[in-house]
Each structure stands twice: as C-alpha cells, then as structure tokens.
Amino acid sequence: ARDLIGKIIYTRFDNMLTGGIITETEAYAGIVDQASHAYN
C-alpha cells in the first residue's frame, strides 16, 4: 500500500486511455483484519 503511492494507474476502455498518479491507499490484511471483507 505504501509502495503504490506515486505509481500511475492506467485504464484503457474502448481505446480510451486514462490514468492518474496514486496518491492515497489503504491496506486490508485478510482473515486477521476485522476491517477486511475476508475477516475470519
């Protein structure tokens, strides 16, 4: 999550390219993380 800050995410749909520099992320740590959809 930390390392993704500053990377660029791109999408290409119907031959239209869009993208942005990643400025904010959140990590979710799976089955041990009560905030995760996969908790428990």
PDB file of all heavy atoms in Angstrom:
ATOM      1  N   ALA A   1       0.829  -1.200   0.000  1.00  0.00           N
ATOM      2  CA  ALA A   1       0.000   0.000   0.000  1.00  0.00           C
ATOM      3  C   ALA A   1       0.868   1.256   0.000  1.00  0.00           C
ATOM      4  O   ALA A   1       0.584   2.225  -0.714  1.00  0.00           O
ATOM      5  CB  ALA A   1      -0.933  -0.001   1.207  1.00  0.00           C
ATOM      6  N   ARG A   2       1.922   1.237   0.790  1.00  0.00           N
ATOM      7  CA  ARG A   2       2.852   2.365   0.832  1.00  0.00           C
ATOM      8  C   ARG A   2       3.581   2.525  -0.499  1.00  0.00           C
ATOM      9  O   ARG A   2       3.723   3.636  -1.027  1.00  0.00           O
ATOM     10  CB  ARG A   2       3.867   2.155   1.971  1.00  0.00           C
ATOM     11  CG  ARG A   2       5.163   2.940   1.869  1.00  0.00           C
ATOM     12  CD  ARG A   2       4.972   4.436   1.920  1.00  0.00           C
ATOM     13  NE  ARG A   2       6.238   5.142   1.776  1.00  0.00           N
ATOM     14  CZ  ARG A   2       6.816   5.449   0.616  1.00  0.00           C
ATOM     15  NH1 ARG A   2       6.255   5.076  -0.520  1.00  0.00           N
ATOM     16  NH2 ARG A   2       7.954   6.115   0.583  1.00  0.00           N
ATOM     17  N   ASP A   3       4.018   1.429  -1.078  1.00  0.00           N
ATOM     18  CA  ASP A   3       4.799   1.482  -2.310  1.00  0.00           C
ATOM     19  C   ASP A   3       3.975   1.900  -3.527  1.00  0.00           C
ATOM     20  O   ASP A   3       4.541   2.331  -4.541  1.00  0.00           O
ATOM     21  CB  ASP A   3       5.458   0.129  -2.582  1.00  0.00           C
ATOM     22  CG  ASP A   3       6.548  -0.207  -1.571  1.00  0.00           C
ATOM     23  OD1 ASP A   3       6.978   0.702  -0.837  1.00  0.00           O
ATOM     24  OD2 ASP A   3       6.956  -1.389  -1.507  1.00  0.00           O
ATOM     25  N   LEU A   4       2.668   1.754  -3.447  1.00  0.00           N
ATOM     26  CA  LEU A   4       1.815   2.166  -4.570  1.00  0.00           C
ATOM     27  C   LEU A   4       1.701   3.687  -4.676  1.00  0.00           C
ATOM     28  O   LEU A   4       1.377   4.211  -5.747  1.00  0.00           O
ATOM     29  CB  LEU A   4       0.416   1.552  -4.428  1.00  0.00           C
ATOM     30  CG  LEU A   4       0.302   0.087  -4.869  1.00  0.00           C
ATOM     31  CD1 LEU A   4      -1.011  -0.516  -4.391  1.00  0.00           C
ATOM     32  CD2 LEU A   4       0.410  -0.038  -6.390  1.00  0.00           C
ATOM     33  N   ILE A   5       1.976   4.399  -3.588  1.00  0.00           N
ATOM     34  CA  ILE A   5       1.939   5.858  -3.642  1.00  0.00           C
ATOM     35  C   ILE A   5       3.001   6.349  -4.627  1.00  0.00           C
ATOM     36  O   ILE A   5       4.171   5.996  -4.522  1.00  0.00           O
ATOM     37  CB  ILE A   5       2.177   6.476  -2.246  1.00  0.00           C
ATOM     38  CG1 ILE A   5       1.123   5.997  -1.244  1.00  0.00           C
ATOM     39  CG2 ILE A   5       2.193   8.003  -2.333  1.00  0.00           C
ATOM     40  CD1 ILE A   5      -0.282   6.417  -1.558  1.00  0.00           C
ATOM     41  N   GLY A   6       2.584   7.146  -5.594  1.00  0.00           N
ATOM     42  CA  GLY A   6       3.490   7.648  -6.610  1.00  0.00           C
ATOM     43  C   GLY A   6       3.516   6.835  -7.890  1.00  0.00           C
ATOM     44  O   GLY A   6       4.068   7.283  -8.905  1.00  0.00           O
ATOM     45  N   LYS A   7       2.936   5.629  -7.854  1.00  0.00           N
ATOM     46  CA  LYS A   7       2.810   4.852  -9.085  1.00  0.00           C
ATOM     47  C   LYS A   7       1.626   5.401  -9.892  1.00  0.00           C
ATOM     48  O   LYS A   7       0.811   6.172  -9.384  1.00  0.00           O
ATOM     49  CB  LYS A   7       2.578   3.371  -8.767  1.00  0.00           C
ATOM     50  CG  LYS A   7       3.646   2.730  -7.885  1.00  0.00           C
ATOM     51  CD  LYS A   7       5.001   2.712  -8.542  1.00  0.00           C
ATOM     52  CE  LYS A   7       6.009   1.842  -7.763  1.00  0.00           C
ATOM     53  NZ  LYS A   7       6.341   2.403  -6.433  1.00  0.00           N
ATOM     54  N   ILE A   8       1.533   5.014 -11.160  1.00  0.00           N
ATOM     55  CA  ILE A   8       0.467   5.512 -12.026  1.00  0.00           C
ATOM     56  C   ILE A   8      -0.449   4.365 -12.423  1.00  0.00           C
ATOM     57  O   ILE A   8       0.013   3.341 -12.935  1.00  0.00           O
ATOM     58  CB  ILE A   8       1.031   6.181 -13.288  1.00  0.00           C
ATOM     59  CG1 ILE A   8       1.935   7.351 -12.895  1.00  0.00           C
ATOM     60  CG2 ILE A   8      -0.110   6.679 -14.179  1.00  0.00           C
ATOM     61  CD1 ILE A   8       2.616   8.012 -14.070  1.00  0.00           C
ATOM     62  N   ILE A   9      -1.746   4.527 -12.164  1.00  0.00           N
ATOM     63  CA  ILE A   9      -2.727   3.546 -12.596  1.00  0.00           C
ATOM     64  C   ILE A   9      -3.347   4.011 -13.914  1.00  0.00           C
ATOM     65  O   ILE A   9      -3.686   5.185 -14.078  1.00  0.00           O
ATOM     66  CB  ILE A   9      -3.825   3.314 -11.531  1.00  0.00           C
ATOM     67  CG1 ILE A   9      -4.791   2.222 -12.019  1.00  0.00           C
ATOM     68  CG2 ILE A   9      -4.545   4.598 -11.143  1.00  0.00           C
ATOM     69  CD1 ILE A   9      -5.741   1.716 -10.952  1.00  0.00           C
ATOM     70  N   TYR A  10      -3.428   3.083 -14.853  1.00  0.00           N
ATOM     71  CA  TYR A  10      -3.992   3.374 -16.169  1.00  0.00           C
ATOM     72  C   TYR A  10      -5.205   2.476 -16.421  1.00  0.00           C
ATOM     73  O   TYR A  10      -5.252   1.331 -15.955  1.00  0.00           O
ATOM     74  CB  TYR A  10      -2.977   3.089 -17.270  1.00  0.00           C
ATOM     75  CG  TYR A  10      -1.832   4.062 -17.366  1.00  0.00           C
ATOM     76  CD1 TYR A  10      -0.594   3.756 -16.810  1.00  0.00           C
ATOM     77  CD2 TYR A  10      -1.975   5.277 -18.038  1.00  0.00           C
ATOM     78  CE1 TYR A  10       0.473   4.644 -16.924  1.00  0.00           C
ATOM     79  CE2 TYR A  10      -0.919   6.171 -18.139  1.00  0.00           C
ATOM     80  CZ  TYR A  10       0.302   5.844 -17.587  1.00  0.00           C
ATOM     81  OH  TYR A  10       1.357   6.721 -17.686  1.00  0.00           O
ATOM     82  N   THR A  11      -6.147   3.002 -17.191  1.00  0.00           N
ATOM     83  CA  THR A  11      -7.236   2.183 -17.730  1.00  0.00           C
ATOM     84  C   THR A  11      -7.343   2.458 -19.226  1.00  0.00           C
ATOM     85  O   THR A  11      -7.092   3.570 -19.684  1.00  0.00           O
ATOM     86  CB  THR A  11      -8.593   2.495 -17.073  1.00  0.00           C
ATOM     87  OG1 THR A  11      -8.977   3.846 -17.365  1.00  0.00           O
ATOM     88  CG2 THR A  11      -8.546   2.311 -15.560  1.00  0.00           C
ATOM     89  N   ARG A  12      -7.689   1.421 -19.962  1.00  0.00           N
ATOM     90  CA  ARG A  12      -7.941   1.581 -21.390  1.00  0.00           C
ATOM     91  C   ARG A  12      -9.229   0.848 -21.731  1.00  0.00           C
ATOM     92  O   ARG A  12      -9.274  -0.387 -21.756  1.00  0.00           O
ATOM     93  CB  ARG A  12      -6.793   1.019 -22.231  1.00  0.00           C
ATOM     94  CG  ARG A  12      -6.913   1.389 -23.727  1.00  0.00           C
ATOM     95  CD  ARG A  12      -5.913   0.606 -24.585  1.00  0.00           C
ATOM     96  NE  ARG A  12      -4.542   0.833 -24.186  1.00  0.00           N
ATOM     97  CZ  ARG A  12      -3.788   1.860 -24.600  1.00  0.00           C
ATOM     98  NH1 ARG A  12      -4.305   2.759 -25.418  1.00  0.00           N
ATOM     99  NH2 ARG A  12      -2.540   1.973 -24.190  1.00  0.00           N
ATOM    100  N   PHE A  13     -10.274   1.618 -21.950  1.00  0.00           N
ATOM    101  CA  PHE A  13     -11.574   1.073 -22.320  1.00  0.00           C
ATOM    102  C   PHE A  13     -12.008   1.713 -23.638  1.00  0.00           C
ATOM    103  O   PHE A  13     -11.924   2.942 -23.790  1.00  0.00           O
ATOM    104  CB  PHE A  13     -12.632   1.371 -21.249  1.00  0.00           C
ATOM    105  CG  PHE A  13     -12.233   0.919 -19.859  1.00  0.00           C
ATOM    106  CD1 PHE A  13     -12.338   1.781 -18.788  1.00  0.00           C
ATOM    107  CD2 PHE A  13     -11.764  -0.368 -19.631  1.00  0.00           C
ATOM    108  CE1 PHE A  13     -11.991   1.380 -17.513  1.00  0.00           C
ATOM    109  CE2 PHE A  13     -11.410  -0.779 -18.363  1.00  0.00           C
ATOM    110  CZ  PHE A  13     -11.519   0.096 -17.292  1.00  0.00           C
ATOM    111  N   ASP A  14     -12.480   0.898 -24.573  1.00  0.00           N
ATOM    112  CA  ASP A  14     -12.920   1.405 -25.878  1.00  0.00           C
ATOM    113  C   ASP A  14     -11.843   2.290 -26.504  1.00  0.00           C
ATOM    114  O   ASP A  14     -12.133   3.345 -27.097  1.00  0.00           O
ATOM    115  CB  ASP A  14     -14.234   2.189 -25.738  1.00  0.00           C
ATOM    116  CG  ASP A  14     -15.360   1.329 -25.194  1.00  0.00           C
ATOM    117  OD1 ASP A  14     -15.434   0.145 -25.588  1.00  0.00           O
ATOM    118  OD2 ASP A  14     -16.147   1.822 -24.368  1.00  0.00           O
ATOM    119  N   ASN A  15     -10.598   1.850 -26.343  1.00  0.00           N
ATOM    120  CA  ASN A  15      -9.429   2.543 -26.897  1.00  0.00           C
ATOM    121  C   ASN A  15      -9.229   3.948 -26.321  1.00  0.00           C
ATOM    122  O   ASN A  15      -8.561   4.781 -26.932  1.00  0.00           O
ATOM    123  CB  ASN A  15      -9.517   2.635 -28.429  1.00  0.00           C
ATOM    124  CG  ASN A  15      -8.147   2.675 -29.067  1.00  0.00           C
ATOM    125  OD1 ASN A  15      -7.188   2.088 -28.551  1.00  0.00           O
ATOM    126  ND2 ASN A  15      -8.024   3.381 -30.180  1.00  0.00           N
ATOM    127  N   MET A  16      -9.803   4.209 -25.153  1.00  0.00           N
ATOM    128  CA  MET A  16      -9.615   5.496 -24.482  1.00  0.00           C
ATOM    129  C   MET A  16      -8.720   5.288 -23.262  1.00  0.00           C
ATOM    130  O   MET A  16      -9.064   4.535 -22.353  1.00  0.00           O
ATOM    131  CB  MET A  16     -10.953   6.108 -24.062  1.00  0.00           C
ATOM    132  CG  MET A  16     -11.829   6.508 -25.231  1.00  0.00           C
ATOM    133  SD  MET A  16     -13.347   7.373 -24.739  1.00  0.00           S
ATOM    134  CE  MET A  16     -14.213   6.045 -23.882  1.00  0.00           C
ATOM    135  N   LEU A  17      -7.569   5.928 -23.258  1.00  0.00           N
ATOM    136  CA  LEU A  17      -6.591   5.780 -22.191  1.00  0.00           C
ATOM    137  C   LEU A  17      -6.768   6.881 -21.155  1.00  0.00           C
ATOM    138  O   LEU A  17      -6.814   8.069 -21.491  1.00  0.00           O
ATOM    139  CB  LEU A  17      -5.176   5.852 -22.766  1.00  0.00           C
ATOM    140  CG  LEU A  17      -4.024   5.732 -21.761  1.00  0.00           C
ATOM    141  CD1 LEU A  17      -3.972   4.327 -21.176  1.00  0.00           C
ATOM    142  CD2 LEU A  17      -2.699   6.090 -22.429  1.00  0.00           C
ATOM    143  N   THR A  18      -6.896   6.488 -19.898  1.00  0.00           N
ATOM    144  CA  THR A  18      -6.938   7.448 -18.796  1.00  0.00           C
ATOM    145  C   THR A  18      -6.003   6.953 -17.700  1.00  0.00           C
ATOM    146  O   THR A  18      -5.713   5.763 -17.601  1.00  0.00           O
ATOM    147  CB  THR A  18      -8.362   7.617 -18.217  1.00  0.00           C
ATOM    148  OG1 THR A  18      -8.872   6.327 -17.826  1.00  0.00           O
ATOM    149  CG2 THR A  18      -9.308   8.242 -19.228  1.00  0.00           C
ATOM    150  N   GLY A  19      -5.540   7.879 -16.880  1.00  0.00           N
ATOM    151  CA  GLY A  19      -4.641   7.471 -15.813  1.00  0.00           C
ATOM    152  C   GLY A  19      -4.416   8.561 -14.795  1.00  0.00           C
ATOM    153  O   GLY A  19      -4.703   9.740 -15.032  1.00  0.00           O
ATOM    154  N   GLY A  20      -3.912   8.147 -13.641  1.00  0.00           N
ATOM    155  CA  GLY A  20      -3.634   9.100 -12.575  1.00  0.00           C
ATOM    156  C   GLY A  20      -2.553   8.574 -11.651  1.00  0.00           C
ATOM    157  O   GLY A  20      -2.364   7.360 -11.517  1.00  0.00           O
ATOM    158  N   ILE A  21      -1.834   9.499 -11.037  1.00  0.00           N
ATOM    159  CA  ILE A  21      -0.816   9.143 -10.058  1.00  0.00           C
ATOM    160  C   ILE A  21      -1.509   8.755  -8.762  1.00  0.00           C
ATOM    161  O   ILE A  21      -2.382   9.492  -8.266  1.00  0.00           O
ATOM    162  CB  ILE A  21       0.137  10.323  -9.831  1.00  0.00           C
ATOM    163  CG1 ILE A  21       0.844  10.701 -11.128  1.00  0.00           C
ATOM    164  CG2 ILE A  21       1.169   9.976  -8.751  1.00  0.00           C
ATOM    165  CD1 ILE A  21       1.628  11.983 -11.049  1.00  0.00           C
ATOM    166  N   ILE A  22      -1.171   7.613  -8.220  1.00  0.00           N
ATOM    167  CA  ILE A  22      -1.795   7.127  -6.987  1.00  0.00           C
ATOM    168  C   ILE A  22      -1.339   7.982  -5.809  1.00  0.00           C
ATOM    169  O   ILE A  22      -0.145   8.109  -5.546  1.00  0.00           O
ATOM    170  CB  ILE A  22      -1.456   5.645  -6.759  1.00  0.00           C
ATOM    171  CG1 ILE A  22      -2.058   4.791  -7.893  1.00  0.00           C
ATOM    172  CG2 ILE A  22      -1.991   5.168  -5.395  1.00  0.00           C
ATOM    173  CD1 ILE A  22      -1.650   3.328  -7.838  1.00  0.00           C
ATOM    174  N   THR A  23      -2.302   8.570  -5.107  1.00  0.00           N
ATOM    175  CA  THR A  23      -1.998   9.479  -4.003  1.00  0.00           C
ATOM    176  C   THR A  23      -2.509   8.994  -2.658  1.00  0.00           C
ATOM    177  O   THR A  23      -2.113   9.521  -1.618  1.00  0.00           O
ATOM    178  CB  THR A  23      -2.597  10.866  -4.265  1.00  0.00           C
ATOM    179  OG1 THR A  23      -4.018  10.748  -4.443  1.00  0.00           O
ATOM    180  CG2 THR A  23      -1.981  11.512  -5.506  1.00  0.00           C
ATOM    181  N   GLU A  24      -3.394   7.986  -2.651  1.00  0.00           N
ATOM    182  CA  GLU A  24      -3.929   7.510  -1.372  1.00  0.00           C
ATOM    183  C   GLU A  24      -4.336   6.049  -1.483  1.00  0.00           C
ATOM    184  O   GLU A  24      -4.986   5.643  -2.453  1.00  0.00           O
ATOM    185  CB  GLU A  24      -5.124   8.357  -0.939  1.00  0.00           C
ATOM    186  CG  GLU A  24      -5.660   7.988   0.437  1.00  0.00           C
ATOM    187  CD  GLU A  24      -6.802   8.887   0.897  1.00  0.00           C
ATOM    188  OE1 GLU A  24      -7.184   9.810   0.133  1.00  0.00           O
ATOM    189  OE2 GLU A  24      -7.318   8.662   2.002  1.00  0.00           O
ATOM    190  N   THR A  25      -3.951   5.265  -0.483  1.00  0.00           N
ATOM    191  CA  THR A  25      -4.284   3.846  -0.445  1.00  0.00           C
ATOM    192  C   THR A  25      -4.599   3.415   0.990  1.00  0.00           C
ATOM    193  O   THR A  25      -4.251   4.102   1.945  1.00  0.00           O
ATOM    194  CB  THR A  25      -3.109   2.976  -0.951  1.00  0.00           C
ATOM    195  OG1 THR A  25      -1.968   3.211  -0.122  1.00  0.00           O
ATOM    196  CG2 THR A  25      -2.770   3.271  -2.401  1.00  0.00           C
ATOM    197  N   GLU A  26      -5.229   2.261   1.113  1.00  0.00           N
ATOM    198  CA  GLU A  26      -5.450   1.619   2.413  1.00  0.00           C
ATOM    199  C   GLU A  26      -5.181   0.130   2.289  1.00  0.00           C
ATOM    200  O   GLU A  26      -5.628  -0.504   1.324  1.00  0.00           O
ATOM    201  CB  GLU A  26      -6.881   1.823   2.908  1.00  0.00           C
ATOM    202  CG  GLU A  26      -7.190   3.227   3.383  1.00  0.00           C
ATOM    203  CD  GLU A  26      -8.623   3.368   3.867  1.00  0.00           C
ATOM    204  OE1 GLU A  26      -9.445   2.461   3.599  1.00  0.00           O
ATOM    205  OE2 GLU A  26      -8.922   4.388   4.500  1.00  0.00           O
ATOM    206  N   ALA A  27      -4.492  -0.423   3.259  1.00  0.00           N
ATOM    207  CA  ALA A  27      -4.201  -1.853   3.283  1.00  0.00           C
ATOM    208  C   ALA A  27      -5.257  -2.610   4.087  1.00  0.00           C
ATOM    209  O   ALA A  27      -5.743  -2.114   5.116  1.00  0.00           O
ATOM    210  CB  ALA A  27      -2.822  -2.101   3.895  1.00  0.00           C
ATOM    211  N   TYR A  28      -5.587  -3.817   3.627  1.00  0.00           N
ATOM    212  CA  TYR A  28      -6.523  -4.698   4.326  1.00  0.00           C
ATOM    213  C   TYR A  28      -5.898  -6.091   4.408  1.00  0.00           C
ATOM    214  O   TYR A  28      -5.635  -6.715   3.381  1.00  0.00           O
ATOM    215  CB  TYR A  28      -7.875  -4.729   3.601  1.00  0.00           C
ATOM    216  CG  TYR A  28      -8.622  -3.430   3.788  1.00  0.00           C
ATOM    217  CD1 TYR A  28      -8.366  -2.347   2.960  1.00  0.00           C
ATOM    218  CD2 TYR A  28      -9.530  -3.277   4.830  1.00  0.00           C
ATOM    219  CE1 TYR A  28      -9.021  -1.133   3.151  1.00  0.00           C
ATOM    220  CE2 TYR A  28     -10.192  -2.064   5.027  1.00  0.00           C
ATOM    221  CZ  TYR A  28      -9.927  -1.003   4.193  1.00  0.00           C
ATOM    222  OH  TYR A  28     -10.563   0.202   4.390  1.00  0.00           O
ATOM    223  N   ALA A  29      -5.668  -6.535   5.656  1.00  0.00           N
ATOM    224  CA  ALA A  29      -4.818  -7.703   5.896  1.00  0.00           C
ATOM    225  C   ALA A  29      -5.597  -9.001   6.087  1.00  0.00           C
ATOM    226  O   ALA A  29      -5.295  -9.812   6.974  1.00  0.00           O
ATOM    227  CB  ALA A  29      -3.911  -7.441   7.092  1.00  0.00           C
ATOM    228  N   GLY A  30      -6.612  -9.212   5.283  1.00  0.00           N
ATOM    229  CA  GLY A  30      -7.247 -10.512   5.194  1.00  0.00           C
ATOM    230  C   GLY A  30      -7.942 -11.020   6.437  1.00  0.00           C
ATOM    231  O   GLY A  30      -8.603 -10.276   7.160  1.00  0.00           O
ATOM    232  N   ILE A  31      -7.748 -12.298   6.723  1.00  0.00           N
ATOM    233  CA  ILE A  31      -8.573 -13.000   7.710  1.00  0.00           C
ATOM    234  C   ILE A  31      -8.332 -12.533   9.144  1.00  0.00           C
ATOM    235  O   ILE A  31      -9.164 -12.768  10.015  1.00  0.00           O
ATOM    236  CB  ILE A  31      -8.380 -14.527   7.609  1.00  0.00           C
ATOM    237  CG1 ILE A  31      -6.942 -14.927   7.934  1.00  0.00           C
ATOM    238  CG2 ILE A  31      -8.761 -15.015   6.226  1.00  0.00           C
ATOM    239  CD1 ILE A  31      -6.717 -16.423   7.958  1.00  0.00           C
ATOM    240  N   VAL A  32      -7.219 -11.866   9.414  1.00  0.00           N
ATOM    241  CA  VAL A  32      -6.938 -11.401  10.777  1.00  0.00           C
ATOM    242  C   VAL A  32      -7.309  -9.937  10.973  1.00  0.00           C
ATOM    243  O   VAL A  32      -7.164  -9.396  12.075  1.00  0.00           O
ATOM    244  CB  VAL A  32      -5.447 -11.592  11.123  1.00  0.00           C
ATOM    245  CG1 VAL A  32      -5.080 -13.059  11.058  1.00  0.00           C
ATOM    246  CG2 VAL A  32      -4.544 -10.764  10.212  1.00  0.00           C
ATOM    247  N   ASP A  33      -7.808  -9.295   9.936  1.00  0.00           N
ATOM    248  CA  ASP A  33      -8.107  -7.863   9.947  1.00  0.00           C
ATOM    249  C   ASP A  33      -9.622  -7.670   9.992  1.00  0.00           C
ATOM    250  O   ASP A  33     -10.322  -7.981   9.033  1.00  0.00           O
ATOM    251  CB  ASP A  33      -7.507  -7.210   8.695  1.00  0.00           C
ATOM    252  CG  ASP A  33      -7.711  -5.708   8.629  1.00  0.00           C
ATOM    253  OD1 ASP A  33      -8.428  -5.146   9.483  1.00  0.00           O
ATOM    254  OD2 ASP A  33      -7.139  -5.089   7.708  1.00  0.00           O
ATOM    255  N   GLN A  34     -10.120  -7.149  11.102  1.00  0.00           N
ATOM    256  CA  GLN A  34     -11.569  -7.013  11.273  1.00  0.00           C
ATOM    257  C   GLN A  34     -12.201  -6.039  10.280  1.00  0.00           C
ATOM    258  O   GLN A  34     -13.419  -6.047  10.096  1.00  0.00           O
ATOM    259  CB  GLN A  34     -11.888  -6.562  12.702  1.00  0.00           C
ATOM    260  CG  GLN A  34     -11.531  -7.587  13.759  1.00  0.00           C
ATOM    261  CD  GLN A  34     -11.894  -7.134  15.149  1.00  0.00           C
ATOM    262  OE1 GLN A  34     -13.077  -7.046  15.503  1.00  0.00           O
ATOM    263  NE2 GLN A  34     -10.895  -6.818  15.961  1.00  0.00           N
ATOM    264  N   ALA A  35     -11.394  -5.207   9.641  1.00  0.00           N
ATOM    265  CA  ALA A  35     -11.926  -4.275   8.646  1.00  0.00           C
ATOM    266  C   ALA A  35     -11.998  -4.897   7.255  1.00  0.00           C
ATOM    267  O   ALA A  35     -12.591  -4.309   6.350  1.00  0.00           O
ATOM    268  CB  ALA A  35     -11.064  -3.016   8.600  1.00  0.00           C
ATOM    269  N   SER A  36     -11.413  -6.066   7.083  1.00  0.00           N
ATOM    270  CA  SER A  36     -11.361  -6.711   5.772  1.00  0.00           C
ATOM    271  C   SER A  36     -12.653  -7.466   5.474  1.00  0.00           C
ATOM    272  O   SER A  36     -13.259  -8.066   6.369  1.00  0.00           O
ATOM    273  CB  SER A  36     -10.185  -7.687   5.720  1.00  0.00           C
ATOM    274  OG  SER A  36     -10.229  -8.473   4.549  1.00  0.00           O
ATOM    275  N   HIS A  37     -13.027  -7.489   4.208  1.00  0.00           N
ATOM    276  CA  HIS A  37     -14.181  -8.281   3.790  1.00  0.00           C
ATOM    277  C   HIS A  37     -13.938  -9.766   4.004  1.00  0.00           C
ATOM    278  O   HIS A  37     -14.884 -10.556   4.032  1.00  0.00           O
ATOM    279  CB  HIS A  37     -14.485  -8.028   2.308  1.00  0.00           C
ATOM    280  CG  HIS A  37     -15.031  -6.667   2.026  1.00  0.00           C
ATOM    281  ND1 HIS A  37     -15.197  -6.166   0.755  1.00  0.00           N
ATOM    282  CD2 HIS A  37     -15.450  -5.684   2.876  1.00  0.00           C
ATOM    283  CE1 HIS A  37     -15.693  -4.942   0.820  1.00  0.00           C
ATOM    284  NE2 HIS A  37     -15.844  -4.632   2.084  1.00  0.00           N
ATOM    285  N   ALA A  38     -12.682 -10.155   4.125  1.00  0.00           N
ATOM    286  CA  ALA A  38     -12.336 -11.570   4.291  1.00  0.00           C
ATOM    287  C   ALA A  38     -12.008 -11.916   5.737  1.00  0.00           C
ATOM    288  O   ALA A  38     -11.466 -12.994   6.007  1.00  0.00           O
ATOM    289  CB  ALA A  38     -11.153 -11.918   3.394  1.00  0.00           C
ATOM    290  N   TYR A  39     -12.351 -11.038   6.663  1.00  0.00           N
ATOM    291  CA  TYR A  39     -12.042 -11.295   8.073  1.00  0.00           C
ATOM    292  C   TYR A  39     -12.636 -12.632   8.523  1.00  0.00           C
ATOM    293  O   TYR A  39     -13.759 -12.989   8.172  1.00  0.00           O
ATOM    294  CB  TYR A  39     -12.597 -10.165   8.937  1.00  0.00           C
ATOM    295  CG  TYR A  39     -12.469 -10.425  10.417  1.00  0.00           C
ATOM    296  CD1 TYR A  39     -11.219 -10.564  11.012  1.00  0.00           C
ATOM    297  CD2 TYR A  39     -13.603 -10.551  11.221  1.00  0.00           C
ATOM    298  CE1 TYR A  39     -11.089 -10.829  12.371  1.00  0.00           C
ATOM    299  CE2 TYR A  39     -13.488 -10.793  12.583  1.00  0.00           C
ATOM    300  CZ  TYR A  39     -12.229 -10.936  13.146  1.00  0.00           C
ATOM    301  OH  TYR A  39     -12.106 -11.196  14.495  1.00  0.00           O
ATOM    302  N   ASN A  40     -11.868 -13.333   9.315  1.00  0.00           N
ATOM    303  CA  ASN A  40     -12.285 -14.623   9.869  1.00  0.00           C
ATOM    304  C   ASN A  40     -12.571 -15.651   8.770  1.00  0.00           C
ATOM    305  O   ASN A  40     -13.421 -16.519   8.913  1.00  0.00           O
ATOM    306  CB  ASN A  40     -13.524 -14.455  10.769  1.00  0.00           C
ATOM    307  CG  ASN A  40     -13.664 -15.583  11.773  1.00  0.00           C
ATOM    308  OD1 ASN A  40     -12.689 -16.222  12.150  1.00  0.00           O
ATOM    309  ND2 ASN A  40     -14.888 -15.837  12.201  1.00  0.00           N
TER     310      ASN A  40
END
